[in-house]
């Protein structure tokens, strides 16, 4: 087996680490920077706290970020960086703010629109601004990945862009920032962590380092996600979910995600199912499918290491976890017509589907969506 591992992001982990952003920026001689944050954090005051504690390195704030960041928002952020001649970006929030910031920093020095790279496969310019990523949820792993998911409503498009330039220079993971995350968000982002771990493990591009990270992350999710959801003030559970999110991000960055993520995009685009919940919806189904494939023993061994009898038993555990967290387990409430199911099948043919260890056919997708719709 031939493989290579690379992770260029410097990671700072620990409660209170977000107060060290100014020192980190000064050590790297980044100059003046822009804070890109979810709008909520401007209202809550966290954005101002981050700016005030940055030792004068952060001189602006950009909060025009949608839950599914838009191409025009990325372009506007990049224009702000150019006009003010800023030297770096701090991204504060969930995956939306981090993805917007990574994409804006990636095009800020070129004067181009992110639309040139959305769904086109064109490589981004090598020159880019450094990003310090500060996640406030335990879910996306975006702080250590080279992926940004961007939408363009005008084209009806939502897709990931993968570029080496999207790796943040630093990830500052402060579990204290997740204490106020509401249970519904904790559940949705937490199940996304499990998807990242499992998909990174069974991806066709899997490799030993990522496999080990995936196993550790999955163990943490099964053990600590229910507690983080039920008792948001539990500091150990919050810290361990931040650890799981980070490690799962490392686990899937190189192997890439697979069928559950491919199917999540139309569920989010067409029916506005939140991203993590949309990924988790099909995770147990694909666990059973992949366990029956040629390489299914790997997945059975993975499940056994987590304390399950086999992968099918783990799939039952995933289903039980979703129910415990009050996450979506069916599509019954959407009252899907046959034509809508056909469209879901067609729209699920995202490139990530090709990473799945078992080839996924239209017949399989039809069966899955039909069962979910009952």
Protein backbone atom coordinates (compact mmCIF):
# COMPACT_ATOMS: atom_id res chain seq x y z
CA UNK A 1 0.00 0.00 0.00
CA UNK A 2 1.45 3.36 -1.07
CA UNK A 3 0.42 6.48 0.79
CA UNK A 4 1.53 9.93 1.94
CA UNK A 5 0.41 12.13 4.81
CA UNK A 6 0.62 15.90 5.03
CA UNK A 7 -0.91 18.32 7.54
CA UNK A 8 0.46 21.87 7.30
CA UNK A 9 -1.80 23.48 9.93
CA UNK A 10 -0.25 24.45 13.27
CA UNK A 11 -2.75 23.55 16.00
CA UNK A 12 -3.22 25.33 19.34
CA UNK A 13 -5.74 23.47 21.54
CA UNK A 14 -7.06 24.38 24.97
CA UNK A 15 -9.55 26.41 26.95
CA UNK A 16 -8.74 30.12 26.67
CA UNK A 17 -6.47 29.74 23.63
CA UNK A 18 -8.63 32.20 21.65
CA UNK A 19 -7.18 34.98 23.83
CA UNK A 20 -3.74 34.28 22.29
CA UNK A 21 -4.63 35.23 18.70
CA UNK A 22 -2.79 38.55 18.93
CA UNK A 23 0.39 36.88 20.12
CA UNK A 24 0.18 34.25 17.38
CA UNK A 25 -0.31 36.91 14.69
CA UNK A 26 2.57 38.99 16.03
CA UNK A 27 4.88 35.95 16.21
CA UNK A 28 4.14 35.27 12.55
CA UNK A 29 4.48 38.97 11.61
CA UNK A 30 1.18 38.96 9.77
CA UNK A 31 0.56 42.70 10.16
CA UNK A 32 -3.04 43.94 10.30
CA UNK A 33 -5.92 41.50 10.01
CA UNK A 34 -9.66 41.13 9.47
CA UNK A 35 -11.97 39.12 11.70
CA UNK A 36 -14.54 37.15 9.66
CA UNK A 37 -17.31 35.95 11.96
CA UNK A 38 -20.82 34.57 11.97
CA UNK A 39 -23.27 37.48 12.45
CA UNK A 40 -24.42 36.02 15.77
CA UNK A 41 -21.04 36.72 17.32
CA UNK A 42 -21.26 40.42 16.55
CA UNK A 43 -24.56 40.52 18.47
CA UNK A 44 -23.31 38.32 21.32
CA UNK A 45 -20.19 40.41 21.81
CA UNK A 46 -17.73 37.56 21.22
CA UNK A 47 -16.43 39.18 18.03
CA UNK A 48 -15.64 42.40 19.93
CA UNK A 49 -13.94 40.36 22.67
CA UNK A 50 -11.72 38.65 20.10
CA UNK A 51 -10.83 41.99 18.49
CA UNK A 52 -10.12 43.64 21.84
CA UNK A 53 -7.86 40.78 22.95
CA UNK A 54 -5.92 40.72 19.67
CA UNK A 55 -3.35 43.30 20.83
CA UNK A 56 -4.27 45.64 18.00
CA UNK A 57 -3.65 43.12 15.21
CA UNK A 58 -7.32 42.88 14.18
CA UNK A 59 -8.50 46.16 12.66
CA UNK A 60 -11.77 45.19 10.99
CA UNK A 61 -14.82 42.95 11.24
CA UNK A 62 -16.74 41.20 8.43
CA UNK A 63 -19.97 39.43 9.36
CA UNK A 64 -21.77 39.16 6.01
CA UNK A 65 -21.79 35.37 6.16
CA UNK A 66 -24.83 33.18 5.45
CA UNK A 67 -25.36 29.70 6.94
CA UNK A 68 -24.39 28.44 3.48
CA UNK A 69 -21.78 31.03 2.46
CA UNK A 70 -22.52 32.63 -0.91
CA UNK A 71 -20.05 33.38 -3.68
CA UNK A 72 -20.96 37.06 -3.54
CA UNK A 73 -20.16 37.12 0.19
CA UNK A 74 -16.76 35.56 -0.47
CA UNK A 75 -16.08 38.13 -3.17
CA UNK A 76 -17.16 40.99 -0.90
CA UNK A 77 -14.86 39.76 1.87
CA UNK A 78 -11.95 39.42 -0.55
CA UNK A 79 -12.57 42.95 -1.81
CA UNK A 80 -12.48 44.25 1.77
CA UNK A 81 -9.13 42.54 2.32
CA UNK A 82 -7.73 44.08 -0.86
CA UNK A 83 -9.05 47.58 -0.29
CA UNK A 84 -7.70 47.78 3.26
CA UNK A 85 -4.45 46.05 2.25
CA UNK A 86 -4.76 43.60 5.13
CA UNK A 87 -2.25 40.86 5.79
CA UNK A 88 -4.23 38.00 7.33
CA UNK A 89 -7.68 36.74 8.31
CA UNK A 90 -9.07 35.33 11.55
CA UNK A 91 -12.13 33.13 10.96
CA UNK A 92 -14.47 32.79 13.93
CA UNK A 93 -17.53 30.56 13.90
CA UNK A 94 -18.85 27.34 12.48
CA UNK A 95 -18.05 25.94 9.05
CA UNK A 96 -19.78 28.85 7.29
CA UNK A 97 -17.48 31.57 8.58
CA UNK A 98 -14.40 29.40 8.23
CA UNK A 99 -15.23 28.42 4.66
CA UNK A 100 -16.02 32.01 3.67
CA UNK A 101 -12.76 33.23 5.17
CA UNK A 102 -10.64 30.50 3.58
CA UNK A 103 -12.13 31.16 0.15
CA UNK A 104 -11.80 34.95 0.47
CA UNK A 105 -8.19 34.69 1.61
CA UNK A 106 -7.55 32.36 -1.33
CA UNK A 107 -8.57 34.93 -3.95
CA UNK A 108 -7.84 38.21 -2.16
CA UNK A 109 -4.48 38.75 -3.83
CA UNK A 110 -5.69 37.85 -7.34
CA UNK A 111 -8.69 40.15 -7.74
CA UNK A 112 -10.70 37.26 -9.13
CA UNK A 113 -14.17 35.99 -8.21
CA UNK A 114 -14.59 32.72 -6.37
CA UNK A 115 -17.17 31.84 -9.06
CA UNK A 116 -14.28 31.06 -11.40
CA UNK A 117 -13.43 28.09 -9.18
CA UNK A 118 -16.86 26.90 -8.02
CA UNK A 119 -17.62 23.63 -9.79
CA UNK A 120 -15.00 24.26 -12.49
CA UNK A 121 -12.00 22.33 -11.16
CA UNK A 122 -9.69 25.26 -11.92
CA UNK A 123 -6.73 25.51 -9.51
CA UNK A 124 -6.71 28.55 -7.26
CA UNK A 125 -3.81 31.02 -7.30
CA UNK A 126 -0.88 29.93 -5.17
CA UNK A 127 -0.55 33.34 -3.55
CA UNK A 128 -3.01 33.83 -0.71
CA UNK A 129 -3.40 35.41 2.71
CA UNK A 130 -2.84 33.34 5.86
CA UNK A 131 -5.89 32.32 7.91
CA UNK A 132 -6.12 31.70 11.65
CA UNK A 133 -9.19 29.47 12.09
CA UNK A 134 -11.09 29.60 15.38
CA UNK A 135 -14.02 27.13 15.40
CA UNK A 136 -16.94 27.71 17.75
CA UNK A 137 -18.67 24.38 17.09
CA UNK A 138 -17.46 20.81 17.37
CA UNK A 139 -18.39 19.66 13.91
CA UNK A 140 -16.91 20.72 10.60
CA UNK A 141 -13.19 20.23 11.16
CA UNK A 142 -12.78 23.09 8.68
CA UNK A 143 -9.97 24.52 10.79
CA UNK A 144 -7.59 21.80 9.51
CA UNK A 145 -8.95 21.06 6.03
CA UNK A 146 -8.23 22.37 2.55
CA UNK A 147 -11.94 22.39 1.66
CA UNK A 148 -14.49 25.21 1.53
CA UNK A 149 -18.14 24.62 0.65
CA UNK A 150 -19.57 27.60 -1.23
CA UNK A 151 -23.02 28.28 -2.72
CA UNK A 152 -24.10 30.33 -5.72
CA UNK A 153 -27.85 30.90 -5.69
CA UNK A 154 -27.79 32.38 -9.19
CA UNK A 155 -26.55 29.05 -10.56
CA UNK A 156 -28.42 26.87 -8.05
CA UNK A 157 -25.07 25.45 -7.04
CA UNK A 158 -23.52 24.38 -3.74
CA UNK A 159 -20.24 22.52 -3.94
CA UNK A 160 -16.92 22.03 -2.17
CA UNK A 161 -13.78 23.65 -3.54
CA UNK A 162 -10.57 21.82 -2.69
CA UNK A 163 -7.29 23.73 -2.74
CA UNK A 164 -3.96 23.47 -0.94
CA UNK A 165 -4.21 27.23 -0.40
CA UNK A 166 -7.28 26.70 1.81
CA UNK A 167 -5.31 25.11 4.63
CA UNK A 168 -5.34 27.61 7.51
CA UNK A 169 -1.93 28.64 8.76
CA UNK A 170 -3.11 28.01 12.34
CA UNK A 171 -6.06 26.43 14.08
CA UNK A 172 -6.93 27.83 17.49
CA UNK A 173 -9.32 25.36 19.13
CA UNK A 174 -10.80 26.75 22.33
CA UNK A 175 -13.43 24.39 23.80
CA UNK A 176 -14.68 27.26 25.96
CA UNK A 177 -16.19 28.84 22.84
CA UNK A 178 -18.55 25.88 22.41
CA UNK A 179 -20.18 25.99 25.85
CA UNK A 180 -23.14 28.10 24.67
CA UNK A 181 -23.86 26.11 21.50
CA UNK A 182 -27.53 25.01 21.68
CA UNK A 183 -28.36 21.27 21.82
CA UNK A 184 -29.78 21.10 18.27
CA UNK A 185 -26.56 22.51 16.82
CA UNK A 186 -24.46 20.27 19.08
CA UNK A 187 -26.36 17.26 17.71
CA UNK A 188 -26.14 18.24 14.04
CA UNK A 189 -22.48 19.19 14.10
CA UNK A 190 -21.66 16.19 16.27
CA UNK A 191 -23.15 13.67 13.86
CA UNK A 192 -21.17 15.41 11.10
CA UNK A 193 -18.01 14.60 13.08
CA UNK A 194 -18.98 10.92 13.04
CA UNK A 195 -19.58 11.12 9.29
CA UNK A 196 -16.14 12.63 8.75
CA UNK A 197 -14.51 9.87 10.79
CA UNK A 198 -16.34 6.97 9.15
CA UNK A 199 -16.17 8.34 5.61
CA UNK A 200 -12.47 9.13 5.97
CA UNK A 201 -11.92 5.54 7.16
CA UNK A 202 -13.85 3.74 4.43
CA UNK A 203 -12.98 6.16 1.59
CA UNK A 204 -11.17 4.63 -1.37
CA UNK A 205 -8.33 7.02 -0.54
CA UNK A 206 -7.95 5.86 3.07
CA UNK A 207 -4.49 5.48 4.59
CA UNK A 208 -3.09 4.38 7.98
CA UNK A 209 -2.56 7.75 9.68
CA UNK A 210 -6.05 8.93 8.80
CA UNK A 211 -7.49 5.52 9.77
CA UNK A 212 -6.05 5.87 13.28
CA UNK A 213 -7.38 9.41 13.64
CA UNK A 214 -10.81 8.30 12.41
CA UNK A 215 -11.04 5.51 14.97
CA UNK A 216 -10.09 7.77 17.87
CA UNK A 217 -12.53 10.47 16.74
CA UNK A 218 -15.41 7.99 16.40
CA UNK A 219 -14.75 6.61 19.90
CA UNK A 220 -15.01 10.12 21.31
CA UNK A 221 -18.26 10.87 19.46
CA UNK A 222 -20.07 7.74 20.63
CA UNK A 223 -18.91 8.35 24.20
CA UNK A 224 -19.22 12.12 24.61
CA UNK A 225 -21.74 13.48 22.10
CA UNK A 226 -24.82 12.38 24.09
CA UNK A 227 -23.44 14.07 27.20
CA UNK A 228 -22.50 17.28 25.37
CA UNK A 229 -26.04 17.37 23.97
CA UNK A 230 -27.82 16.56 27.24
CA UNK A 231 -25.61 18.71 29.47
CA UNK A 232 -24.13 21.63 27.48
CA UNK A 233 -22.15 22.87 30.49
CA UNK A 234 -20.19 19.60 30.83
CA UNK A 235 -16.65 20.85 30.18
CA UNK A 236 -15.14 17.40 29.63
CA UNK A 237 -17.77 16.46 27.05
CA UNK A 238 -17.33 19.77 25.23
CA UNK A 239 -13.56 19.43 25.20
CA UNK A 240 -13.67 15.84 23.96
CA UNK A 241 -16.09 16.75 21.16
CA UNK A 242 -13.74 19.55 20.08
CA UNK A 243 -10.95 16.97 20.06
CA UNK A 244 -13.13 14.59 18.03
CA UNK A 245 -14.03 17.28 15.52
CA UNK A 246 -10.39 18.24 15.04
CA UNK A 247 -9.20 14.65 14.63
CA UNK A 248 -12.05 13.77 12.29
CA UNK A 249 -11.13 16.79 10.19
CA UNK A 250 -7.60 15.42 9.95
CA UNK A 251 -9.04 11.97 9.17
CA UNK A 252 -11.03 12.97 6.10
CA UNK A 253 -8.99 15.82 4.60
CA UNK A 254 -6.75 13.59 2.49
CA UNK A 255 -9.05 10.58 1.84
CA UNK A 256 -12.08 12.89 1.21
CA UNK A 257 -15.70 12.24 2.13
CA UNK A 258 -17.94 9.75 0.36
CA UNK A 259 -21.58 8.81 -0.26
CA UNK A 260 -23.25 10.38 2.82
CA UNK A 261 -21.76 13.77 1.96
CA UNK A 262 -22.61 13.38 -1.73
CA UNK A 263 -26.24 12.74 -0.79
CA UNK A 264 -26.30 15.57 1.72
CA UNK A 265 -25.85 18.29 -0.89
CA UNK A 266 -29.25 17.89 -2.65
CA UNK A 267 -30.97 17.38 0.71
CA UNK A 268 -29.60 20.74 1.84
CA UNK A 269 -30.01 22.53 -1.49
CA UNK A 270 -33.56 21.35 -2.21
CA UNK A 271 -35.08 20.80 1.21
CA UNK A 272 -32.89 22.91 3.50
CA UNK A 273 -31.93 20.00 5.76
CA UNK A 274 -28.99 21.29 7.85
CA UNK A 275 -25.68 19.96 6.57
CA UNK A 276 -24.69 17.71 9.48
CA UNK A 277 -28.17 16.30 9.84
CA UNK A 278 -28.31 15.67 6.09
CA UNK A 279 -25.02 13.75 6.20
CA UNK A 280 -26.07 11.75 9.24
CA UNK A 281 -29.41 10.84 7.69
CA UNK A 282 -27.83 8.26 5.35
CA UNK A 283 -24.78 7.30 7.44
CA UNK A 284 -26.20 4.09 8.90
CA UNK A 285 -27.59 3.05 5.48
CA UNK A 286 -24.19 3.39 3.84
CA UNK A 287 -22.51 1.71 6.80
CA UNK A 288 -24.57 -1.41 6.07
CA UNK A 289 -23.94 -1.14 2.32
CA UNK A 290 -20.17 -0.77 2.70
CA UNK A 291 -19.95 -3.58 5.26
CA UNK A 292 -21.36 -5.92 2.61
CA UNK A 293 -18.66 -4.93 0.08
CA UNK A 294 -15.37 -6.61 -0.75
CA UNK A 295 -13.52 -4.55 1.86
CA UNK A 296 -16.26 -4.89 4.46
CA UNK A 297 -14.04 -6.67 6.98
CA UNK A 298 -12.12 -3.42 7.56
CA UNK A 299 -15.36 -1.79 8.63
CA UNK A 300 -16.30 -4.76 10.82
CA UNK A 301 -12.92 -4.49 12.54
CA UNK A 302 -13.46 -0.74 13.01
CA UNK A 303 -16.85 -1.41 14.62
CA UNK A 304 -15.38 -4.12 16.85
CA UNK A 305 -12.71 -1.70 18.08
CA UNK A 306 -15.56 0.58 19.17
CA UNK A 307 -17.25 -2.22 21.10
CA UNK A 308 -19.85 -3.29 18.52
CA UNK A 309 -20.32 -6.87 17.27
CA UNK A 310 -19.83 -5.79 13.67
CA UNK A 311 -20.57 -2.94 11.28
CA UNK A 312 -24.28 -3.75 11.08
CA UNK A 313 -24.47 -3.51 14.86
CA UNK A 314 -22.65 -0.17 14.65
CA UNK A 315 -25.19 1.00 12.06
CA UNK A 316 -27.92 0.21 14.58
CA UNK A 317 -25.92 2.22 17.11
CA UNK A 318 -25.78 5.19 14.74
CA UNK A 319 -29.54 5.00 14.23
CA UNK A 320 -30.08 4.87 18.01
CA UNK A 321 -27.74 7.83 18.51
CA UNK A 322 -29.68 9.94 16.01
CA UNK A 323 -32.94 9.13 17.75
CA UNK A 324 -31.42 9.99 21.13
CA UNK A 325 -30.26 13.36 19.78
CA UNK A 326 -33.65 14.09 18.14
CA UNK A 327 -32.05 14.15 14.70
CA UNK A 328 -33.89 13.37 11.49
CA UNK A 329 -34.08 9.65 10.65
CA UNK A 330 -36.60 9.78 7.76
CA UNK A 331 -37.85 12.06 5.00
CA UNK A 332 -41.51 11.27 5.71
CA UNK A 333 -42.37 14.85 6.61
CA UNK A 334 -41.33 16.06 3.14
CA UNK A 335 -44.06 13.95 1.45
CA UNK A 336 -41.80 13.30 -1.52
CA UNK A 337 -43.33 12.52 -4.91
CA UNK A 338 -41.66 9.99 -7.21
CA UNK A 339 -40.28 12.76 -9.41
CA UNK A 340 -38.67 14.42 -6.39
CA UNK A 341 -37.02 11.12 -5.44
CA UNK A 342 -35.76 10.75 -9.01
CA UNK A 343 -34.27 14.23 -8.77
CA UNK A 344 -32.59 13.39 -5.47
CA UNK A 345 -31.05 10.33 -7.11
CA UNK A 346 -29.77 12.39 -10.03
CA UNK A 347 -28.43 15.18 -7.82
CA UNK A 348 -26.58 12.72 -5.58
CA UNK A 349 -24.06 12.04 -8.34
CA UNK A 350 -21.50 14.33 -6.78
CA UNK A 351 -17.79 13.44 -7.27
CA UNK A 352 -17.58 12.39 -3.60
CA UNK A 353 -19.85 9.47 -4.46
CA UNK A 354 -16.94 7.96 -6.41
CA UNK A 355 -14.87 7.76 -3.20
CA UNK A 356 -17.29 5.24 -1.69
CA UNK A 357 -15.75 1.74 -1.40
CA UNK A 358 -18.88 0.14 -2.89
CA UNK A 359 -20.01 1.52 -6.23
CA UNK A 360 -23.33 3.28 -5.62
CA UNK A 361 -25.87 2.77 -8.39
CA UNK A 362 -29.06 4.66 -9.17
CA UNK A 363 -31.00 1.60 -8.09
CA UNK A 364 -29.33 1.71 -4.67
CA UNK A 365 -30.05 5.43 -4.29
CA UNK A 366 -33.68 4.93 -5.36
CA UNK A 367 -34.10 2.17 -2.79
CA UNK A 368 -32.51 4.28 -0.03
CA UNK A 369 -34.50 7.45 -0.68
CA UNK A 370 -37.73 5.49 -1.14
CA UNK A 371 -37.23 3.79 2.23
CA UNK A 372 -36.45 7.12 3.88
CA UNK A 373 -39.56 8.67 2.36
CA UNK A 374 -41.93 6.00 3.76
